[in-house]
């Protein structure tokens, strides 16, 4: 149960910095664990790797921006 709550906090941390370059070390530090342990636990709890989660979220946010805004594609690409 502890790790589920910790993963919720970590996902909130990632979402708050989704447009920035985030390292695994920064994310695992926010979860108060080592990066190796964090990657293993995240994959078990979330069902995807940390890198894949960030990539999927950025792609979905970029798609949303493409649909809902009039921004140029290059601007959206640079943002995410």
PDB file of N, CA and C in Angstrom:
ATOM      1  N   UNK A   1       0.826  -1.196   0.000  1.00  0.00           N
ATOM      2  CA  UNK A   1       0.000   0.000   0.000  1.00  0.00           C
ATOM      3  C   UNK A   1       0.866   1.254   0.000  1.00  0.00           C
ATOM      4  N   UNK A   2       2.001   1.185   0.680  1.00  0.00           N
ATOM      5  CA  UNK A   2       2.915   2.327   0.738  1.00  0.00           C
ATOM      6  C   UNK A   2       3.358   2.740  -0.658  1.00  0.00           C
ATOM      7  N   UNK A   3       3.705   1.747  -1.488  1.00  0.00           N
ATOM      8  CA  UNK A   3       4.225   2.077  -2.815  1.00  0.00           C
ATOM      9  C   UNK A   3       3.167   2.654  -3.734  1.00  0.00           C
ATOM     10  N   UNK A   4       1.924   2.257  -3.559  1.00  0.00           N
ATOM     11  CA  UNK A   4       0.852   2.827  -4.383  1.00  0.00           C
ATOM     12  C   UNK A   4       0.726   4.313  -4.089  1.00  0.00           C
ATOM     13  N   UNK A   5       0.730   4.681  -2.819  1.00  0.00           N
ATOM     14  CA  UNK A   5       0.650   6.096  -2.426  1.00  0.00           C
ATOM     15  C   UNK A   5       1.883   6.855  -2.916  1.00  0.00           C
ATOM     16  N   UNK A   6       3.042   6.234  -2.791  1.00  0.00           N
ATOM     17  CA  UNK A   6       4.287   6.871  -3.241  1.00  0.00           C
ATOM     18  C   UNK A   6       4.269   7.067  -4.760  1.00  0.00           C
ATOM     19  N   UNK A   7       3.727   6.114  -5.492  1.00  0.00           N
ATOM     20  CA  UNK A   7       3.636   6.245  -6.949  1.00  0.00           C
ATOM     21  C   UNK A   7       2.661   7.356  -7.335  1.00  0.00           C
ATOM     22  N   UNK A   8       1.573   7.511  -6.601  1.00  0.00           N
ATOM     23  CA  UNK A   8       0.649   8.615  -6.862  1.00  0.00           C
ATOM     24  C   UNK A   8       1.361   9.954  -6.686  1.00  0.00           C
ATOM     25  N   UNK A   9       2.165  10.078  -5.638  1.00  0.00           N
ATOM     26  CA  UNK A   9       2.931  11.309  -5.412  1.00  0.00           C
ATOM     27  C   UNK A   9       3.961  11.519  -6.519  1.00  0.00           C
ATOM     28  N   UNK A  10       4.590  10.435  -6.936  1.00  0.00           N
ATOM     29  CA  UNK A  10       5.601  10.523  -7.989  1.00  0.00           C
ATOM     30  C   UNK A  10       4.972  10.905  -9.321  1.00  0.00           C
ATOM     31  N   UNK A  11       3.823  10.346  -9.642  1.00  0.00           N
ATOM     32  CA  UNK A  11       3.133  10.703 -10.883  1.00  0.00           C
ATOM     33  C   UNK A  11       2.723  12.169 -10.852  1.00  0.00           C
ATOM     34  N   UNK A  12       2.290  12.650  -9.704  1.00  0.00           N
ATOM     35  CA  UNK A  12       1.958  14.075  -9.566  1.00  0.00           C
ATOM     36  C   UNK A  12       3.206  14.927  -9.794  1.00  0.00           C
ATOM     37  N   UNK A  13       4.353  14.473  -9.296  1.00  0.00           N
ATOM     38  CA  UNK A  13       5.623  15.174  -9.507  1.00  0.00           C
ATOM     39  C   UNK A  13       5.971  15.218 -10.996  1.00  0.00           C
ATOM     40  N   UNK A  14       5.829  14.069 -11.668  1.00  0.00           N
ATOM     41  CA  UNK A  14       6.126  14.001 -13.103  1.00  0.00           C
ATOM     42  C   UNK A  14       5.173  14.908 -13.882  1.00  0.00           C
ATOM     43  N   UNK A  15       3.888  14.842 -13.581  1.00  0.00           N
ATOM     44  CA  UNK A  15       2.897  15.660 -14.289  1.00  0.00           C
ATOM     45  C   UNK A  15       3.168  17.153 -14.108  1.00  0.00           C
ATOM     46  N   UNK A  16       3.646  17.533 -12.941  1.00  0.00           N
ATOM     47  CA  UNK A  16       3.948  18.942 -12.689  1.00  0.00           C
ATOM     48  C   UNK A  16       5.144  19.451 -13.473  1.00  0.00           C
ATOM     49  N   UNK A  17       5.978  18.531 -13.947  1.00  0.00           N
ATOM     50  CA  UNK A  17       7.181  18.916 -14.679  1.00  0.00           C
ATOM     51  C   UNK A  17       7.252  18.229 -16.042  1.00  0.00           C
ATOM     52  N   UNK A  18       6.109  17.896 -16.610  1.00  0.00           N
ATOM     53  CA  UNK A  18       6.051  17.089 -17.828  1.00  0.00           C
ATOM     54  C   UNK A  18       6.706  17.768 -19.031  1.00  0.00           C
ATOM     55  N   UNK A  19       6.716  19.085 -19.083  1.00  0.00           N
ATOM     56  CA  UNK A  19       7.326  19.778 -20.228  1.00  0.00           C
ATOM     57  C   UNK A  19       8.806  20.060 -20.020  1.00  0.00           C
ATOM     58  N   UNK A  20       9.342  19.672 -18.877  1.00  0.00           N
ATOM     59  CA  UNK A  20      10.758  19.897 -18.577  1.00  0.00           C
ATOM     60  C   UNK A  20      11.536  18.593 -18.767  1.00  0.00           C
ATOM     61  N   UNK A  21      12.857  18.719 -18.865  1.00  0.00           N
ATOM     62  CA  UNK A  21      13.702  17.532 -18.864  1.00  0.00           C
ATOM     63  C   UNK A  21      13.782  17.027 -17.432  1.00  0.00           C
ATOM     64  N   UNK A  22      13.352  15.807 -17.222  1.00  0.00           N
ATOM     65  CA  UNK A  22      13.346  15.217 -15.891  1.00  0.00           C
ATOM     66  C   UNK A  22      14.220  13.968 -15.923  1.00  0.00           C
ATOM     67  N   UNK A  23      15.111  13.843 -14.973  1.00  0.00           N
ATOM     68  CA  UNK A  23      15.942  12.647 -14.905  1.00  0.00           C
ATOM     69  C   UNK A  23      15.328  11.640 -13.944  1.00  0.00           C
ATOM     70  N   UNK A  24      15.674  10.393 -14.141  1.00  0.00           N
ATOM     71  CA  UNK A  24      15.213   9.334 -13.248  1.00  0.00           C
ATOM     72  C   UNK A  24      15.698   9.609 -11.829  1.00  0.00           C
ATOM     73  N   UNK A  25      16.894  10.171 -11.711  1.00  0.00           N
ATOM     74  CA  UNK A  25      17.436  10.468 -10.389  1.00  0.00           C
ATOM     75  C   UNK A  25      16.577  11.485  -9.650  1.00  0.00           C
ATOM     76  N   UNK A  26      16.112  12.523 -10.363  1.00  0.00           N
ATOM     77  CA  UNK A  26      15.235  13.516  -9.738  1.00  0.00           C
ATOM     78  C   UNK A  26      13.913  12.884  -9.300  1.00  0.00           C
ATOM     79  N   UNK A  27      13.370  12.054 -10.162  1.00  0.00           N
ATOM     80  CA  UNK A  27      12.089  11.418  -9.858  1.00  0.00           C
ATOM     81  C   UNK A  27      12.231  10.454  -8.690  1.00  0.00           C
ATOM     82  N   UNK A  28      13.270   9.633  -8.715  1.00  0.00           N
ATOM     83  CA  UNK A  28      13.457   8.672  -7.625  1.00  0.00           C
ATOM     84  C   UNK A  28      13.770   9.383  -6.314  1.00  0.00           C
ATOM     85  N   UNK A  29      14.445  10.511  -6.385  1.00  0.00           N
ATOM     86  CA  UNK A  29      14.712  11.298  -5.182  1.00  0.00           C
ATOM     87  C   UNK A  29      13.400  11.806  -4.589  1.00  0.00           C
ATOM     88  N   UNK A  30      12.462  12.204  -5.436  1.00  0.00           N
ATOM     89  CA  UNK A  30      11.167  12.665  -4.938  1.00  0.00           C
ATOM     90  C   UNK A  30      10.386  11.527  -4.287  1.00  0.00           C
ATOM     91  N   UNK A  31      10.715  10.286  -4.668  1.00  0.00           N
ATOM     92  CA  UNK A  31      10.062   9.108  -4.090  1.00  0.00           C
ATOM     93  C   UNK A  31      10.862   8.539  -2.911  1.00  0.00           C
ATOM     94  N   UNK A  32      11.973   9.187  -2.588  1.00  0.00           N
ATOM     95  CA  UNK A  32      12.819   8.770  -1.461  1.00  0.00           C
ATOM     96  C   UNK A  32      13.343   7.343  -1.602  1.00  0.00           C
ATOM     97  N   UNK A  33      13.841   7.024  -2.789  1.00  0.00           N
ATOM     98  CA  UNK A  33      14.392   5.692  -3.025  1.00  0.00           C
ATOM     99  C   UNK A  33      15.498   5.781  -4.071  1.00  0.00           C
ATOM    100  N   UNK A  34      16.210   4.694  -4.264  1.00  0.00           N
ATOM    101  CA  UNK A  34      17.257   4.668  -5.288  1.00  0.00           C
ATOM    102  C   UNK A  34      16.621   4.592  -6.668  1.00  0.00           C
ATOM    103  N   UNK A  35      17.372   4.992  -7.677  1.00  0.00           N
ATOM    104  CA  UNK A  35      16.810   4.986  -9.028  1.00  0.00           C
ATOM    105  C   UNK A  35      16.535   3.563  -9.516  1.00  0.00           C
ATOM    106  N   UNK A  36      17.403   2.617  -9.181  1.00  0.00           N
ATOM    107  CA  UNK A  36      17.188   1.229  -9.610  1.00  0.00           C
ATOM    108  C   UNK A  36      15.926   0.649  -8.967  1.00  0.00           C
ATOM    109  N   UNK A  37      15.771   0.868  -7.680  1.00  0.00           N
ATOM    110  CA  UNK A  37      14.587   0.371  -6.983  1.00  0.00           C
ATOM    111  C   UNK A  37      13.329   1.069  -7.488  1.00  0.00           C
ATOM    112  N   UNK A  38      13.439   2.362  -7.728  1.00  0.00           N
ATOM    113  CA  UNK A  38      12.282   3.118  -8.218  1.00  0.00           C
ATOM    114  C   UNK A  38      11.824   2.604  -9.570  1.00  0.00           C
ATOM    115  N   UNK A  39      12.760   2.399 -10.493  1.00  0.00           N
ATOM    116  CA  UNK A  39      12.393   1.921 -11.824  1.00  0.00           C
ATOM    117  C   UNK A  39      11.695   0.567 -11.753  1.00  0.00           C
ATOM    118  N   UNK A  40      12.185  -0.314 -10.901  1.00  0.00           N
ATOM    119  CA  UNK A  40      11.586  -1.633 -10.747  1.00  0.00           C
ATOM    120  C   UNK A  40      10.176  -1.531 -10.179  1.00  0.00           C
ATOM    121  N   UNK A  41      10.011  -0.764  -9.115  1.00  0.00           N
ATOM    122  CA  UNK A  41       8.703  -0.636  -8.468  1.00  0.00           C
ATOM    123  C   UNK A  41       7.716   0.091  -9.389  1.00  0.00           C
ATOM    124  N   UNK A  42       8.176   1.147 -10.075  1.00  0.00           N
ATOM    125  CA  UNK A  42       7.289   1.884 -10.977  1.00  0.00           C
ATOM    126  C   UNK A  42       6.757   0.969 -12.067  1.00  0.00           C
ATOM    127  N   UNK A  43       7.618   0.166 -12.639  1.00  0.00           N
ATOM    128  CA  UNK A  43       7.189  -0.756 -13.699  1.00  0.00           C
ATOM    129  C   UNK A  43       6.157  -1.746 -13.193  1.00  0.00           C
ATOM    130  N   UNK A  44       6.342  -2.228 -11.963  1.00  0.00           N
ATOM    131  CA  UNK A  44       5.392  -3.180 -11.392  1.00  0.00           C
ATOM    132  C   UNK A  44       4.050  -2.507 -11.135  1.00  0.00           C
ATOM    133  N   UNK A  45       4.079  -1.333 -10.508  1.00  0.00           N
ATOM    134  CA  UNK A  45       2.839  -0.646 -10.127  1.00  0.00           C
ATOM    135  C   UNK A  45       2.121  -0.051 -11.333  1.00  0.00           C
ATOM    136  N   UNK A  46       2.860   0.624 -12.220  1.00  0.00           N
ATOM    137  CA  UNK A  46       2.237   1.326 -13.341  1.00  0.00           C
ATOM    138  C   UNK A  46       2.052   0.453 -14.584  1.00  0.00           C
ATOM    139  N   UNK A  47       2.814  -0.606 -14.695  1.00  0.00           N
ATOM    140  CA  UNK A  47       2.686  -1.479 -15.860  1.00  0.00           C
ATOM    141  C   UNK A  47       3.489  -1.026 -17.067  1.00  0.00           C
ATOM    142  N   UNK A  48       4.197   0.088 -16.952  1.00  0.00           N
ATOM    143  CA  UNK A  48       5.078   0.600 -18.008  1.00  0.00           C
ATOM    144  C   UNK A  48       6.335   1.143 -17.349  1.00  0.00           C
ATOM    145  N   UNK A  49       7.384   1.328 -18.134  1.00  0.00           N
ATOM    146  CA  UNK A  49       8.590   1.925 -17.588  1.00  0.00           C
ATOM    147  C   UNK A  49       8.368   3.420 -17.377  1.00  0.00           C
ATOM    148  N   UNK A  50       9.228   4.038 -16.588  1.00  0.00           N
ATOM    149  CA  UNK A  50       9.116   5.471 -16.329  1.00  0.00           C
ATOM    150  C   UNK A  50       9.272   6.253 -17.628  1.00  0.00           C
ATOM    151  N   UNK A  51      10.256   5.883 -18.426  1.00  0.00           N
ATOM    152  CA  UNK A  51      10.485   6.559 -19.700  1.00  0.00           C
ATOM    153  C   UNK A  51       9.295   6.465 -20.631  1.00  0.00           C
ATOM    154  N   UNK A  52       8.699   5.279 -20.699  1.00  0.00           N
ATOM    155  CA  UNK A  52       7.519   5.103 -21.542  1.00  0.00           C
ATOM    156  C   UNK A  52       6.344   5.925 -21.023  1.00  0.00           C
ATOM    157  N   UNK A  53       6.162   5.957 -19.710  1.00  0.00           N
ATOM    158  CA  UNK A  53       5.069   6.745 -19.136  1.00  0.00           C
ATOM    159  C   UNK A  53       5.211   8.215 -19.518  1.00  0.00           C
ATOM    160  N   UNK A  54       6.418   8.757 -19.359  1.00  0.00           N
ATOM    161  CA  UNK A  54       6.649  10.169 -19.691  1.00  0.00           C
ATOM    162  C   UNK A  54       6.423  10.397 -21.183  1.00  0.00           C
ATOM    163  N   UNK A  55       6.929   9.505 -22.007  1.00  0.00           N
ATOM    164  CA  UNK A  55       6.777   9.629 -23.460  1.00  0.00           C
ATOM    165  C   UNK A  55       5.307   9.583 -23.864  1.00  0.00           C
ATOM    166  N   UNK A  56       4.545   8.640 -23.325  1.00  0.00           N
ATOM    167  CA  UNK A  56       3.122   8.524 -23.645  1.00  0.00           C
ATOM    168  C   UNK A  56       2.349   9.763 -23.205  1.00  0.00           C
ATOM    169  N   UNK A  57       2.658  10.271 -22.023  1.00  0.00           N
ATOM    170  CA  UNK A  57       1.968  11.462 -21.522  1.00  0.00           C
ATOM    171  C   UNK A  57       2.270  12.673 -22.397  1.00  0.00           C
ATOM    172  N   UNK A  58       3.532  12.839 -22.778  1.00  0.00           N
ATOM    173  CA  UNK A  58       3.893  13.975 -23.642  1.00  0.00           C
ATOM    174  C   UNK A  58       3.207  13.865 -24.992  1.00  0.00           C
ATOM    175  N   UNK A  59       3.148  12.671 -25.549  1.00  0.00           N
ATOM    176  CA  UNK A  59       2.475  12.484 -26.837  1.00  0.00           C
ATOM    177  C   UNK A  59       0.978  12.769 -26.731  1.00  0.00           C
ATOM    178  N   UNK A  60       0.354  12.330 -25.658  1.00  0.00           N
ATOM    179  CA  UNK A  60      -1.085  12.586 -25.515  1.00  0.00           C
ATOM    180  C   UNK A  60      -1.362  14.069 -25.289  1.00  0.00           C
ATOM    181  N   UNK A  61      -0.505  14.749 -24.541  1.00  0.00           N
ATOM    182  CA  UNK A  61      -0.684  16.194 -24.339  1.00  0.00           C
ATOM    183  C   UNK A  61      -0.433  16.969 -25.629  1.00  0.00           C
ATOM    184  N   UNK A  62       0.550  16.516 -26.413  1.00  0.00           N
ATOM    185  CA  UNK A  62       0.810  17.160 -27.702  1.00  0.00           C
ATOM    186  C   UNK A  62      -0.384  16.972 -28.637  1.00  0.00           C
ATOM    187  N   UNK A  63      -0.956  15.773 -28.659  1.00  0.00           N
ATOM    188  CA  UNK A  63      -2.133  15.519 -29.496  1.00  0.00           C
ATOM    189  C   UNK A  63      -3.301  16.398 -29.062  1.00  0.00           C
ATOM    190  N   UNK A  64      -3.478  16.549 -27.765  1.00  0.00           N
ATOM    191  CA  UNK A  64      -4.549  17.404 -27.247  1.00  0.00           C
ATOM    192  C   UNK A  64      -4.340  18.849 -27.691  1.00  0.00           C
ATOM    193  N   UNK A  65      -3.092  19.326 -27.599  1.00  0.00           N
ATOM    194  CA  UNK A  65      -2.792  20.687 -28.051  1.00  0.00           C
ATOM    195  C   UNK A  65      -3.043  20.854 -29.548  1.00  0.00           C
ATOM    196  N   UNK A  66      -2.716  19.828 -30.337  1.00  0.00           N
ATOM    197  CA  UNK A  66      -2.957  19.896 -31.779  1.00  0.00           C
ATOM    198  C   UNK A  66      -4.440  20.034 -32.087  1.00  0.00           C
ATOM    199  N   UNK A  67      -5.254  19.336 -31.333  1.00  0.00           N
ATOM    200  CA  UNK A  67      -6.697  19.357 -31.567  1.00  0.00           C
ATOM    201  C   UNK A  67      -7.340  20.634 -31.047  1.00  0.00           C
ATOM    202  N   UNK A  68      -6.922  21.074 -29.866  1.00  0.00           N
ATOM    203  CA  UNK A  68      -7.635  22.146 -29.176  1.00  0.00           C
ATOM    204  C   UNK A  68      -7.069  23.547 -29.369  1.00  0.00           C
ATOM    205  N   UNK A  69      -5.888  23.673 -29.958  1.00  0.00           N
ATOM    206  CA  UNK A  69      -5.293  25.000 -30.114  1.00  0.00           C
ATOM    207  C   UNK A  69      -4.946  25.256 -31.570  1.00  0.00           C
ATOM    208  N   UNK A  70      -4.527  26.452 -31.837  1.00  0.00           N
ATOM    209  CA  UNK A  70      -4.081  26.819 -33.182  1.00  0.00           C
ATOM    210  C   UNK A  70      -2.573  26.979 -33.246  1.00  0.00           C
ATOM    211  N   UNK A  71      -1.863  26.397 -32.269  1.00  0.00           N
ATOM    212  CA  UNK A  71      -0.402  26.482 -32.258  1.00  0.00           C
ATOM    213  C   UNK A  71       0.172  25.738 -33.457  1.00  0.00           C
ATOM    214  N   UNK A  72       1.317  26.174 -33.915  1.00  0.00           N
ATOM    215  CA  UNK A  72       2.005  25.480 -34.992  1.00  0.00           C
ATOM    216  C   UNK A  72       2.543  24.152 -34.459  1.00  0.00           C
ATOM    217  N   UNK A  73       2.642  23.187 -35.351  1.00  0.00           N
ATOM    218  CA  UNK A  73       3.122  21.863 -34.968  1.00  0.00           C
ATOM    219  C   UNK A  73       4.525  21.949 -34.398  1.00  0.00           C
ATOM    220  N   UNK A  74       5.362  22.746 -34.981  1.00  0.00           N
ATOM    221  CA  UNK A  74       6.742  22.863 -34.487  1.00  0.00           C
ATOM    222  C   UNK A  74       6.784  23.424 -33.066  1.00  0.00           C
ATOM    223  N   UNK A  75       5.876  24.360 -32.751  1.00  0.00           N
ATOM    224  CA  UNK A  75       5.828  24.920 -31.401  1.00  0.00           C
ATOM    225  C   UNK A  75       5.402  23.871 -30.381  1.00  0.00           C
ATOM    226  N   UNK A  76       4.453  23.039 -30.760  1.00  0.00           N
ATOM    227  CA  UNK A  76       4.009  21.971 -29.872  1.00  0.00           C
ATOM    228  C   UNK A  76       5.112  20.939 -29.700  1.00  0.00           C
ATOM    229  N   UNK A  77       5.792  20.625 -30.785  1.00  0.00           N
ATOM    230  CA  UNK A  77       6.902  19.666 -30.716  1.00  0.00           C
ATOM    231  C   UNK A  77       7.999  20.158 -29.789  1.00  0.00           C
ATOM    232  N   UNK A  78       8.316  21.420 -29.870  1.00  0.00           N
ATOM    233  CA  UNK A  78       9.352  21.987 -29.008  1.00  0.00           C
ATOM    234  C   UNK A  78       8.894  22.000 -27.544  1.00  0.00           C
ATOM    235  N   UNK A  79       7.621  22.274 -27.326  1.00  0.00           N
ATOM    236  CA  UNK A  79       7.085  22.322 -25.960  1.00  0.00           C
ATOM    237  C   UNK A  79       7.214  20.970 -25.266  1.00  0.00           C
ATOM    238  N   UNK A  80       6.924  19.898 -25.995  1.00  0.00           N
ATOM    239  CA  UNK A  80       6.932  18.574 -25.385  1.00  0.00           C
ATOM    240  C   UNK A  80       8.151  17.776 -25.759  1.00  0.00           C
TER     241      UNK A  80
END
